[in-house]
Amino acid sequence: MIRKLNLLLLTLFCLTSSASAVNYYVSDDLYTYIHSGPGTQYKIIGSVNAGEHIKILQSNANFTQIKDSKGRSGWINSKFVSKRAGLKEHLPKLETQLTKLNAQLITVKDKADKDKIKFNEDLESKSKQVNELQNKNSKLNKELQKIQALNRNLNAKLDTQKNDLLMRWFTYGGMVAGAGLLLGLILPVLIPSRRRKTRW
């Protein structure tokens, strides 16, 4: 099916322009004989290898007159003529491209490896910093807990001292009030009143 389609396209092209500047090649999947005339009944004068560059001189529906790379002129079956360059011509270009791509790949891989090493170093450094900060945070939390416990103890002592101070003041006040009341009751008895003496 593909060969028939290629043959049809080649035939149409050959009918429209038999002598153009476009390069033509023998198809890669074969080698073919060159005949002295436009048909297989003509004498074989040589062969062309697959992918070989040729020049078209003229063509009809089935055969194309060519000139090969050795300068020989003859006829080959039109279905074996292709506009696409053969592997022999493509291979060096592909190898060159492959070499360039391999070089680029090595460069990219080297850069990726360096970036990976740098990333791992940065990650390790950041991990150390995080561990140090976590250790500092843990120490500070322990110190904070100690300070909070000390603060609670001091507040409790302060509250106890305030209560003791209030109790002392209440005690002193009670003692002063009791002493005053006692003096108020005893003094009138101990000190006789002059008025009472004069009346007697």
N, C-alpha and C. Protein backbone atom coordinates (compact mmCIF):
# COMPACT_ATOMS: atom_id res chain seq x y z
N MET A 1 0.84 -1.20 0.00
CA MET A 1 0.00 0.00 0.00
C MET A 1 0.88 1.26 0.00
N ILE A 2 1.92 1.26 0.84
CA ILE A 2 2.81 2.42 0.93
C ILE A 2 3.60 2.56 -0.37
N ARG A 3 4.04 1.41 -0.91
CA ARG A 3 4.80 1.47 -2.17
C ARG A 3 3.93 1.97 -3.31
N LYS A 4 2.67 1.55 -3.31
CA LYS A 4 1.76 2.02 -4.37
C LYS A 4 1.55 3.52 -4.26
N LEU A 5 1.41 3.98 -3.02
CA LEU A 5 1.23 5.41 -2.80
C LEU A 5 2.48 6.18 -3.21
N ASN A 6 3.65 5.64 -2.86
CA ASN A 6 4.91 6.27 -3.27
C ASN A 6 5.04 6.29 -4.79
N LEU A 7 4.66 5.18 -5.43
CA LEU A 7 4.74 5.09 -6.89
C LEU A 7 3.83 6.12 -7.54
N LEU A 8 2.61 6.25 -7.00
CA LEU A 8 1.66 7.21 -7.54
C LEU A 8 2.18 8.63 -7.40
N LEU A 9 2.73 8.95 -6.24
CA LEU A 9 3.27 10.29 -6.03
C LEU A 9 4.46 10.55 -6.94
N LEU A 10 5.33 9.57 -7.06
CA LEU A 10 6.48 9.73 -7.94
C LEU A 10 6.06 9.90 -9.39
N THR A 11 5.07 9.14 -9.82
CA THR A 11 4.60 9.22 -11.20
C THR A 11 4.02 10.60 -11.49
N LEU A 12 3.20 11.10 -10.55
CA LEU A 12 2.61 12.43 -10.72
C LEU A 12 3.70 13.49 -10.78
N PHE A 13 4.67 13.34 -9.92
CA PHE A 13 5.75 14.32 -9.91
C PHE A 13 6.57 14.25 -11.21
N CYS A 14 6.84 13.04 -11.64
CA CYS A 14 7.63 12.87 -12.86
C CYS A 14 6.90 13.42 -14.09
N LEU A 15 5.59 13.30 -14.11
CA LEU A 15 4.82 13.82 -15.24
C LEU A 15 4.82 15.33 -15.26
N THR A 16 4.78 15.96 -14.11
CA THR A 16 4.73 17.42 -14.06
C THR A 16 6.08 18.05 -14.33
N SER A 17 7.16 17.41 -13.84
CA SER A 17 8.49 18.01 -14.03
C SER A 17 9.52 16.91 -14.14
N SER A 18 10.00 16.69 -15.35
CA SER A 18 10.95 15.59 -15.57
C SER A 18 12.38 16.04 -15.34
N ALA A 19 12.66 17.31 -15.42
CA ALA A 19 14.03 17.78 -15.25
C ALA A 19 14.04 18.95 -14.28
N SER A 20 14.06 18.66 -12.98
CA SER A 20 14.07 19.72 -11.99
C SER A 20 15.38 19.66 -11.21
N ALA A 21 15.60 20.68 -10.37
CA ALA A 21 16.84 20.78 -9.61
C ALA A 21 16.78 20.00 -8.30
N VAL A 22 15.66 19.32 -8.01
CA VAL A 22 15.51 18.58 -6.76
C VAL A 22 16.39 17.35 -6.79
N ASN A 23 17.04 17.04 -5.67
CA ASN A 23 17.86 15.84 -5.59
C ASN A 23 16.98 14.62 -5.45
N TYR A 24 17.39 13.53 -6.08
CA TYR A 24 16.66 12.26 -5.99
C TYR A 24 17.62 11.18 -5.53
N TYR A 25 17.05 10.11 -4.97
CA TYR A 25 17.85 9.03 -4.40
C TYR A 25 17.20 7.71 -4.72
N VAL A 26 18.00 6.65 -4.72
CA VAL A 26 17.46 5.31 -4.82
C VAL A 26 16.98 4.91 -3.43
N SER A 27 15.78 4.31 -3.34
CA SER A 27 15.19 3.96 -2.04
C SER A 27 16.12 3.08 -1.23
N ASP A 28 16.03 3.22 0.09
CA ASP A 28 16.96 2.53 0.99
C ASP A 28 16.73 1.03 1.08
N ASP A 29 15.54 0.57 0.75
CA ASP A 29 15.22 -0.82 1.02
C ASP A 29 15.62 -1.77 -0.11
N LEU A 30 16.50 -1.36 -1.05
CA LEU A 30 16.84 -2.23 -2.16
C LEU A 30 18.08 -1.74 -2.88
N TYR A 31 18.54 -2.55 -3.81
CA TYR A 31 19.43 -2.06 -4.86
C TYR A 31 18.75 -2.48 -6.17
N THR A 32 18.98 -1.73 -7.19
CA THR A 32 18.27 -2.01 -8.44
C THR A 32 19.22 -1.93 -9.63
N TYR A 33 18.85 -2.62 -10.68
CA TYR A 33 19.67 -2.65 -11.89
C TYR A 33 19.37 -1.44 -12.76
N ILE A 34 20.40 -1.01 -13.45
CA ILE A 34 20.25 0.05 -14.45
C ILE A 34 20.15 -0.64 -15.81
N HIS A 35 19.08 -0.31 -16.53
CA HIS A 35 18.87 -0.88 -17.87
C HIS A 35 19.23 0.16 -18.92
N SER A 36 19.53 -0.33 -20.08
CA SER A 36 19.91 0.57 -21.17
C SER A 36 18.70 1.28 -21.78
N GLY A 37 17.50 0.82 -21.47
CA GLY A 37 16.29 1.44 -21.98
C GLY A 37 15.17 1.41 -20.95
N PRO A 38 14.01 2.02 -21.23
CA PRO A 38 12.91 2.11 -20.27
C PRO A 38 12.10 0.83 -20.15
N GLY A 39 12.71 -0.23 -19.64
CA GLY A 39 12.01 -1.49 -19.45
C GLY A 39 12.98 -2.57 -19.04
N THR A 40 12.44 -3.65 -18.46
CA THR A 40 13.30 -4.74 -17.99
C THR A 40 13.84 -5.59 -19.14
N GLN A 41 13.25 -5.45 -20.31
CA GLN A 41 13.73 -6.22 -21.46
C GLN A 41 15.03 -5.67 -22.03
N TYR A 42 15.40 -4.44 -21.59
CA TYR A 42 16.65 -3.85 -22.06
C TYR A 42 17.82 -4.41 -21.26
N LYS A 43 18.97 -4.29 -21.85
CA LYS A 43 20.20 -4.82 -21.27
C LYS A 43 20.52 -4.14 -19.93
N ILE A 44 20.99 -4.95 -18.95
CA ILE A 44 21.44 -4.43 -17.66
C ILE A 44 22.86 -3.91 -17.85
N ILE A 45 23.02 -2.63 -17.52
CA ILE A 45 24.35 -2.02 -17.70
C ILE A 45 25.04 -1.74 -16.36
N GLY A 46 24.37 -2.06 -15.27
CA GLY A 46 24.96 -1.84 -13.95
C GLY A 46 23.87 -1.87 -12.87
N SER A 47 24.23 -1.42 -11.70
CA SER A 47 23.26 -1.35 -10.60
C SER A 47 23.58 -0.15 -9.72
N VAL A 48 22.57 0.31 -9.03
CA VAL A 48 22.76 1.40 -8.07
C VAL A 48 22.33 0.90 -6.70
N ASN A 49 23.10 1.27 -5.71
CA ASN A 49 22.81 0.83 -4.35
C ASN A 49 21.72 1.69 -3.71
N ALA A 50 21.11 1.12 -2.70
CA ALA A 50 20.08 1.85 -1.96
C ALA A 50 20.67 3.11 -1.36
N GLY A 51 19.92 4.21 -1.48
CA GLY A 51 20.33 5.47 -0.90
C GLY A 51 21.31 6.25 -1.73
N GLU A 52 21.69 5.76 -2.88
CA GLU A 52 22.67 6.44 -3.72
C GLU A 52 22.04 7.67 -4.38
N HIS A 53 22.81 8.74 -4.45
CA HIS A 53 22.33 9.98 -5.07
C HIS A 53 22.31 9.83 -6.59
N ILE A 54 21.20 10.24 -7.20
CA ILE A 54 21.06 10.15 -8.66
C ILE A 54 20.51 11.46 -9.21
N LYS A 55 20.67 11.63 -10.51
CA LYS A 55 20.08 12.79 -11.20
C LYS A 55 19.09 12.26 -12.23
N ILE A 56 17.88 12.83 -12.24
CA ILE A 56 16.85 12.39 -13.19
C ILE A 56 17.03 13.15 -14.50
N LEU A 57 17.07 12.39 -15.57
CA LEU A 57 17.18 13.00 -16.90
C LEU A 57 15.81 13.11 -17.56
N GLN A 58 15.03 12.03 -17.50
CA GLN A 58 13.65 12.03 -18.00
C GLN A 58 12.92 10.85 -17.41
N SER A 59 11.59 10.83 -17.56
CA SER A 59 10.83 9.71 -17.00
C SER A 59 9.54 9.53 -17.78
N ASN A 60 9.01 8.30 -17.70
CA ASN A 60 7.67 8.03 -18.22
C ASN A 60 6.87 7.42 -17.07
N ALA A 61 5.80 6.74 -17.37
CA ALA A 61 4.92 6.23 -16.31
C ALA A 61 5.60 5.20 -15.43
N ASN A 62 6.47 4.34 -16.00
CA ASN A 62 7.02 3.23 -15.23
C ASN A 62 8.53 3.30 -15.01
N PHE A 63 9.26 3.96 -15.90
CA PHE A 63 10.71 3.98 -15.80
C PHE A 63 11.24 5.41 -15.84
N THR A 64 12.38 5.59 -15.19
CA THR A 64 13.01 6.91 -15.11
C THR A 64 14.45 6.79 -15.58
N GLN A 65 14.85 7.70 -16.49
CA GLN A 65 16.24 7.73 -16.92
C GLN A 65 17.04 8.56 -15.90
N ILE A 66 18.13 7.97 -15.44
CA ILE A 66 18.92 8.59 -14.39
C ILE A 66 20.37 8.69 -14.81
N LYS A 67 21.11 9.49 -14.03
CA LYS A 67 22.57 9.52 -14.11
C LYS A 67 23.05 9.30 -12.68
N ASP A 68 23.85 8.24 -12.48
CA ASP A 68 24.26 7.91 -11.10
C ASP A 68 25.52 8.64 -10.70
N SER A 69 26.00 8.37 -9.49
CA SER A 69 27.17 9.08 -8.96
C SER A 69 28.45 8.74 -9.71
N LYS A 70 28.45 7.62 -10.47
CA LYS A 70 29.62 7.24 -11.27
C LYS A 70 29.57 7.83 -12.68
N GLY A 71 28.50 8.59 -12.98
CA GLY A 71 28.37 9.21 -14.29
C GLY A 71 27.69 8.33 -15.33
N ARG A 72 27.18 7.14 -14.91
CA ARG A 72 26.51 6.26 -15.85
C ARG A 72 25.07 6.70 -16.05
N SER A 73 24.59 6.61 -17.28
CA SER A 73 23.20 6.92 -17.59
C SER A 73 22.46 5.64 -17.92
N GLY A 74 21.23 5.54 -17.46
CA GLY A 74 20.41 4.36 -17.73
C GLY A 74 19.03 4.54 -17.14
N TRP A 75 18.26 3.46 -17.23
CA TRP A 75 16.86 3.52 -16.78
C TRP A 75 16.65 2.57 -15.60
N ILE A 76 15.88 3.06 -14.59
CA ILE A 76 15.48 2.20 -13.47
C ILE A 76 13.98 2.33 -13.26
N ASN A 77 13.41 1.37 -12.58
CA ASN A 77 11.98 1.40 -12.29
C ASN A 77 11.66 2.64 -11.44
N SER A 78 10.62 3.38 -11.84
CA SER A 78 10.28 4.65 -11.17
C SER A 78 9.89 4.46 -9.70
N LYS A 79 9.41 3.26 -9.37
CA LYS A 79 8.98 3.07 -7.97
C LYS A 79 10.17 3.03 -7.01
N PHE A 80 11.40 2.88 -7.57
CA PHE A 80 12.59 2.84 -6.73
C PHE A 80 13.24 4.22 -6.58
N VAL A 81 12.60 5.26 -7.10
CA VAL A 81 13.14 6.61 -7.02
C VAL A 81 12.44 7.33 -5.87
N SER A 82 13.23 8.02 -5.05
CA SER A 82 12.67 8.72 -3.89
C SER A 82 13.31 10.09 -3.75
N LYS A 83 12.52 11.03 -3.23
CA LYS A 83 13.06 12.37 -2.95
C LYS A 83 13.81 12.40 -1.62
N ARG A 84 13.58 11.40 -0.83
CA ARG A 84 14.18 11.38 0.50
C ARG A 84 15.59 10.83 0.44
N ALA A 85 16.51 11.51 1.09
CA ALA A 85 17.91 11.07 1.10
C ALA A 85 18.03 9.73 1.80
N GLY A 86 18.95 8.92 1.35
CA GLY A 86 19.14 7.59 1.93
C GLY A 86 19.86 7.63 3.26
N LEU A 87 19.93 6.45 3.86
CA LEU A 87 20.58 6.34 5.17
C LEU A 87 22.06 6.68 5.09
N LYS A 88 22.68 6.39 3.94
CA LYS A 88 24.10 6.70 3.80
C LYS A 88 24.35 8.20 3.95
N GLU A 89 23.41 8.99 3.45
CA GLU A 89 23.58 10.44 3.55
C GLU A 89 23.12 10.96 4.90
N HIS A 90 22.07 10.31 5.43
CA HIS A 90 21.54 10.76 6.72
C HIS A 90 22.41 10.33 7.89
N LEU A 91 23.06 9.17 7.75
CA LEU A 91 23.77 8.60 8.88
C LEU A 91 24.86 9.51 9.44
N PRO A 92 25.74 10.10 8.62
CA PRO A 92 26.75 11.00 9.20
C PRO A 92 26.15 12.19 9.93
N LYS A 93 25.06 12.74 9.34
CA LYS A 93 24.39 13.87 10.01
C LYS A 93 23.80 13.42 11.34
N LEU A 94 23.18 12.24 11.29
CA LEU A 94 22.58 11.73 12.53
C LEU A 94 23.66 11.43 13.57
N GLU A 95 24.79 10.89 13.11
CA GLU A 95 25.87 10.62 14.06
C GLU A 95 26.43 11.90 14.65
N THR A 96 26.53 12.95 13.80
CA THR A 96 27.00 14.25 14.30
C THR A 96 26.02 14.81 15.33
N GLN A 97 24.72 14.73 14.97
CA GLN A 97 23.69 15.21 15.92
C GLN A 97 23.73 14.40 17.21
N LEU A 98 23.93 13.08 17.05
CA LEU A 98 23.98 12.23 18.23
C LEU A 98 25.17 12.58 19.11
N THR A 99 26.31 12.86 18.47
CA THR A 99 27.50 13.27 19.23
C THR A 99 27.24 14.56 19.99
N LYS A 100 26.61 15.54 19.30
CA LYS A 100 26.30 16.81 19.95
C LYS A 100 25.33 16.60 21.10
N LEU A 101 24.29 15.78 20.84
CA LEU A 101 23.29 15.54 21.89
C LEU A 101 23.92 14.81 23.08
N ASN A 102 24.82 13.87 22.78
CA ASN A 102 25.51 13.17 23.88
C ASN A 102 26.36 14.13 24.69
N ALA A 103 27.04 15.05 23.98
CA ALA A 103 27.86 16.05 24.69
C ALA A 103 26.97 16.95 25.55
N GLN A 104 25.83 17.37 24.96
CA GLN A 104 24.89 18.19 25.74
C GLN A 104 24.35 17.42 26.93
N LEU A 105 24.06 16.14 26.69
CA LEU A 105 23.54 15.30 27.77
C LEU A 105 24.55 15.17 28.89
N ILE A 106 25.83 14.98 28.51
CA ILE A 106 26.88 14.87 29.53
C ILE A 106 27.00 16.18 30.31
N THR A 107 26.93 17.31 29.56
CA THR A 107 27.01 18.62 30.23
C THR A 107 25.85 18.81 31.19
N VAL A 108 24.65 18.47 30.71
CA VAL A 108 23.45 18.61 31.56
C VAL A 108 23.54 17.68 32.76
N LYS A 109 24.03 16.44 32.51
CA LYS A 109 24.15 15.48 33.61
C LYS A 109 25.17 15.96 34.64
N ASP A 110 26.33 16.49 34.14
CA ASP A 110 27.34 17.02 35.07
C ASP A 110 26.76 18.17 35.90
N LYS A 111 26.04 19.06 35.22
CA LYS A 111 25.42 20.19 35.94
C LYS A 111 24.40 19.68 36.96
N ALA A 112 23.61 18.68 36.52
CA ALA A 112 22.61 18.12 37.44
C ALA A 112 23.28 17.46 38.64
N ASP A 113 24.41 16.76 38.38
CA ASP A 113 25.14 16.12 39.50
C ASP A 113 25.70 17.17 40.45
N LYS A 114 26.27 18.25 39.87
CA LYS A 114 26.81 19.33 40.72
C LYS A 114 25.68 19.98 41.52
N ASP A 115 24.55 20.23 40.83
CA ASP A 115 23.40 20.83 41.53
C ASP A 115 22.90 19.91 42.63
N LYS A 116 22.91 18.61 42.35
CA LYS A 116 22.45 17.65 43.35
C LYS A 116 23.38 17.65 44.57
N ILE A 117 24.71 17.67 44.28
CA ILE A 117 25.68 17.70 45.39
C ILE A 117 25.50 18.97 46.22
N LYS A 118 25.35 20.11 45.50
CA LYS A 118 25.16 21.38 46.21
C LYS A 118 23.87 21.36 47.01
N PHE A 119 22.81 20.81 46.40
CA PHE A 119 21.53 20.73 47.11
C PHE A 119 21.65 19.87 48.36
N ASN A 120 22.35 18.73 48.22
CA ASN A 120 22.53 17.85 49.38
C ASN A 120 23.35 18.54 50.47
N GLU A 121 24.39 19.29 50.06
CA GLU A 121 25.19 20.03 51.04
C GLU A 121 24.35 21.08 51.74
N ASP A 122 23.56 21.83 50.93
CA ASP A 122 22.68 22.84 51.53
C ASP A 122 21.67 22.20 52.46
N LEU A 123 21.13 21.06 52.02
CA LEU A 123 20.14 20.36 52.85
C LEU A 123 20.76 19.89 54.16
N GLU A 124 22.00 19.37 54.07
CA GLU A 124 22.68 18.92 55.28
C GLU A 124 22.96 20.10 56.20
N SER A 125 23.40 21.23 55.62
CA SER A 125 23.67 22.42 56.42
C SER A 125 22.39 22.92 57.10
N LYS A 126 21.31 22.97 56.31
CA LYS A 126 20.03 23.42 56.87
C LYS A 126 19.54 22.46 57.95
N SER A 127 19.76 21.16 57.75
CA SER A 127 19.35 20.18 58.76
C SER A 127 20.13 20.39 60.06
N LYS A 128 21.45 20.67 59.93
CA LYS A 128 22.24 20.95 61.13
C LYS A 128 21.73 22.20 61.84
N GLN A 129 21.42 23.25 61.06
CA GLN A 129 20.90 24.47 61.66
C GLN A 129 19.58 24.22 62.36
N VAL A 130 18.72 23.42 61.71
CA VAL A 130 17.42 23.10 62.32
C VAL A 130 17.64 22.33 63.62
N ASN A 131 18.56 21.36 63.62
CA ASN A 131 18.84 20.59 64.84
C ASN A 131 19.38 21.49 65.94
N GLU A 132 20.30 22.39 65.57
CA GLU A 132 20.83 23.33 66.56
C GLU A 132 19.73 24.21 67.14
N LEU A 133 18.87 24.72 66.27
CA LEU A 133 17.77 25.57 66.74
C LEU A 133 16.80 24.78 67.62
N GLN A 134 16.55 23.52 67.24
CA GLN A 134 15.67 22.70 68.07
C GLN A 134 16.28 22.44 69.44
N ASN A 135 17.60 22.19 69.46
CA ASN A 135 18.28 21.98 70.75
C ASN A 135 18.23 23.25 71.61
N LYS A 136 18.50 24.42 70.97
CA LYS A 136 18.41 25.69 71.69
C LYS A 136 17.00 25.91 72.21
N ASN A 137 16.02 25.63 71.37
CA ASN A 137 14.62 25.81 71.76
C ASN A 137 14.27 24.90 72.93
N SER A 138 14.77 23.66 72.88
CA SER A 138 14.51 22.73 73.98
C SER A 138 15.14 23.24 75.28
N LYS A 139 16.40 23.73 75.21
CA LYS A 139 17.06 24.28 76.40
C LYS A 139 16.31 25.49 76.93
N LEU A 140 15.90 26.38 76.02
CA LEU A 140 15.17 27.58 76.45
C LEU A 140 13.84 27.21 77.08
N ASN A 141 13.16 26.19 76.52
CA ASN A 141 11.89 25.74 77.11
C ASN A 141 12.11 25.20 78.52
N LYS A 142 13.22 24.44 78.70
CA LYS A 142 13.51 23.92 80.05
C LYS A 142 13.80 25.06 81.02
N GLU A 143 14.61 26.05 80.55
CA GLU A 143 14.90 27.20 81.41
C GLU A 143 13.63 27.97 81.72
N LEU A 144 12.76 28.13 80.71
CA LEU A 144 11.49 28.82 80.93
C LEU A 144 10.64 28.10 81.97
N GLN A 145 10.60 26.75 81.86
CA GLN A 145 9.82 25.99 82.85
C GLN A 145 10.39 26.18 84.26
N LYS A 146 11.75 26.19 84.36
CA LYS A 146 12.37 26.41 85.67
C LYS A 146 12.01 27.80 86.20
N ILE A 147 12.11 28.81 85.34
CA ILE A 147 11.80 30.19 85.75
C ILE A 147 10.33 30.30 86.15
N GLN A 148 9.46 29.64 85.38
CA GLN A 148 8.03 29.68 85.73
C GLN A 148 7.78 29.01 87.08
N ALA A 149 8.45 27.88 87.33
CA ALA A 149 8.30 27.20 88.62
C ALA A 149 8.83 28.09 89.75
N LEU A 150 10.00 28.73 89.52
CA LEU A 150 10.56 29.63 90.52
C LEU A 150 9.62 30.81 90.76
N ASN A 151 9.04 31.33 89.69
CA ASN A 151 8.10 32.45 89.81
C ASN A 151 6.87 32.04 90.62
N ARG A 152 6.38 30.81 90.37
CA ARG A 152 5.23 30.35 91.15
C ARG A 152 5.59 30.22 92.63
N ASN A 153 6.78 29.69 92.88
CA ASN A 153 7.21 29.55 94.28
C ASN A 153 7.35 30.92 94.95
N LEU A 154 7.96 31.87 94.23
CA LEU A 154 8.11 33.22 94.79
C LEU A 154 6.76 33.87 95.02
N ASN A 155 5.83 33.71 94.08
CA ASN A 155 4.49 34.28 94.27
C ASN A 155 3.79 33.65 95.46
N ALA A 156 3.99 32.31 95.61
CA ALA A 156 3.37 31.64 96.76
C ALA A 156 3.97 32.16 98.06
N LYS A 157 5.32 32.33 98.10
CA LYS A 157 5.97 32.87 99.29
C LYS A 157 5.49 34.29 99.57
N LEU A 158 5.37 35.09 98.51
CA LEU A 158 4.91 36.47 98.66
C LEU A 158 3.50 36.52 99.23
N ASP A 159 2.64 35.63 98.70
CA ASP A 159 1.26 35.58 99.22
C ASP A 159 1.27 35.16 100.69
N THR A 160 2.14 34.21 101.04
CA THR A 160 2.22 33.76 102.44
C THR A 160 2.73 34.89 103.34
N GLN A 161 3.74 35.62 102.85
CA GLN A 161 4.26 36.74 103.64
C GLN A 161 3.21 37.83 103.80
N LYS A 162 2.42 38.09 102.75
CA LYS A 162 1.35 39.09 102.86
C LYS A 162 0.33 38.66 103.91
N ASN A 163 -0.02 37.37 103.84
CA ASN A 163 -0.99 36.87 104.83
C ASN A 163 -0.42 36.95 106.24
N ASP A 164 0.87 36.59 106.38
CA ASP A 164 1.49 36.68 107.71
C ASP A 164 1.52 38.13 108.20
N LEU A 165 1.85 39.06 107.28
CA LEU A 165 1.92 40.47 107.64
C LEU A 165 0.54 40.97 108.07
N LEU A 166 -0.51 40.58 107.32
CA LEU A 166 -1.87 40.99 107.70
C LEU A 166 -2.25 40.42 109.07
N MET A 167 -1.87 39.14 109.27
CA MET A 167 -2.20 38.53 110.55
C MET A 167 -1.46 39.25 111.70
N ARG A 168 -0.23 39.65 111.45
CA ARG A 168 0.52 40.38 112.47
C ARG A 168 -0.16 41.72 112.77
N TRP A 169 -0.52 42.43 111.69
CA TRP A 169 -1.18 43.72 111.91
C TRP A 169 -2.49 43.54 112.66
N PHE A 170 -3.26 42.49 112.23
CA PHE A 170 -4.50 42.24 112.97
C PHE A 170 -4.22 41.89 114.43
N THR A 171 -3.17 41.11 114.64
CA THR A 171 -2.82 40.72 116.02
C THR A 171 -2.39 41.94 116.82
N TYR A 172 -1.47 42.77 116.22
CA TYR A 172 -1.04 43.97 116.90
C TYR A 172 -2.21 44.91 117.15
N GLY A 173 -3.06 45.04 116.17
CA GLY A 173 -4.24 45.92 116.36
C GLY A 173 -5.15 45.40 117.45
N GLY A 174 -5.33 44.06 117.45
CA GLY A 174 -6.18 43.47 118.50
C GLY A 174 -5.57 43.65 119.88
N MET A 175 -4.23 43.49 119.93
CA MET A 175 -3.56 43.66 121.22
C MET A 175 -3.67 45.11 121.70
N VAL A 176 -3.47 46.06 120.79
CA VAL A 176 -3.56 47.48 121.15
C VAL A 176 -4.98 47.80 121.61
N ALA A 177 -5.97 47.29 120.85
CA ALA A 177 -7.37 47.55 121.22
C ALA A 177 -7.70 46.91 122.56
N GLY A 178 -7.19 45.68 122.77
CA GLY A 178 -7.45 44.99 124.04
C GLY A 178 -6.79 45.72 125.20
N ALA A 179 -5.53 46.18 124.95
CA ALA A 179 -4.81 46.90 126.01
C ALA A 179 -5.52 48.21 126.32
N GLY A 180 -5.98 48.90 125.28
CA GLY A 180 -6.69 50.16 125.49
C GLY A 180 -7.98 49.94 126.26
N LEU A 181 -8.70 48.87 125.91
CA LEU A 181 -9.96 48.56 126.62
C LEU A 181 -9.66 48.20 128.07
N LEU A 182 -8.62 47.44 128.25
CA LEU A 182 -8.25 47.03 129.60
C LEU A 182 -7.83 48.23 130.44
N LEU A 183 -7.05 49.11 129.87
CA LEU A 183 -6.64 50.31 130.56
C LEU A 183 -7.86 51.20 130.85
N GLY A 184 -8.74 51.23 129.90
CA GLY A 184 -9.95 52.03 130.10
C GLY A 184 -10.80 51.50 131.24
N LEU A 185 -10.74 50.23 131.49
CA LEU A 185 -11.52 49.65 132.58
C LEU A 185 -10.76 49.71 133.92
N ILE A 186 -9.45 49.55 133.86
CA ILE A 186 -8.66 49.48 135.09
C ILE A 186 -8.34 50.88 135.64
N LEU A 187 -8.00 51.79 134.79
CA LEU A 187 -7.59 53.11 135.24
C LEU A 187 -8.67 53.81 136.08
N PRO A 188 -9.91 53.76 135.74
CA PRO A 188 -10.90 54.43 136.58
C PRO A 188 -10.99 53.80 137.97
N VAL A 189 -10.67 52.56 138.03
CA VAL A 189 -10.74 51.91 139.35
C VAL A 189 -9.52 52.28 140.18
N LEU A 190 -8.37 52.30 139.55
CA LEU A 190 -7.14 52.58 140.27
C LEU A 190 -7.01 54.06 140.66
N ILE A 191 -7.41 54.94 139.84
CA ILE A 191 -7.28 56.36 140.13
C ILE A 191 -8.63 56.83 140.69
N PRO A 192 -8.67 57.20 141.96
CA PRO A 192 -9.93 57.67 142.53
C PRO A 192 -10.27 59.06 142.01
N SER A 193 -11.48 59.27 141.92
CA SER A 193 -11.96 60.54 141.39
C SER A 193 -12.00 61.57 142.52
N ARG A 194 -11.55 62.80 142.32
CA ARG A 194 -11.51 63.87 143.30
C ARG A 194 -12.93 64.33 143.64
N ARG A 195 -13.73 64.23 142.71
CA ARG A 195 -15.10 64.66 142.95
C ARG A 195 -15.74 63.78 143.99
N ARG A 196 -15.44 62.50 143.91
CA ARG A 196 -16.03 61.60 144.87
C ARG A 196 -15.51 61.92 146.30
N LYS A 197 -14.24 62.24 146.45
CA LYS A 197 -13.65 62.55 147.73
C LYS A 197 -14.26 63.82 148.33
N THR A 198 -14.46 64.81 147.57
CA THR A 198 -15.00 66.04 148.07
C THR A 198 -16.44 65.85 148.52
N ARG A 199 -17.14 64.98 147.92
CA ARG A 199 -18.52 64.76 148.33
C ARG A 199 -18.60 64.04 149.65
N TRP A 200 -17.69 63.27 149.96
CA TRP A 200 -17.74 62.53 151.23
C TRP A 200 -17.31 63.46 152.30
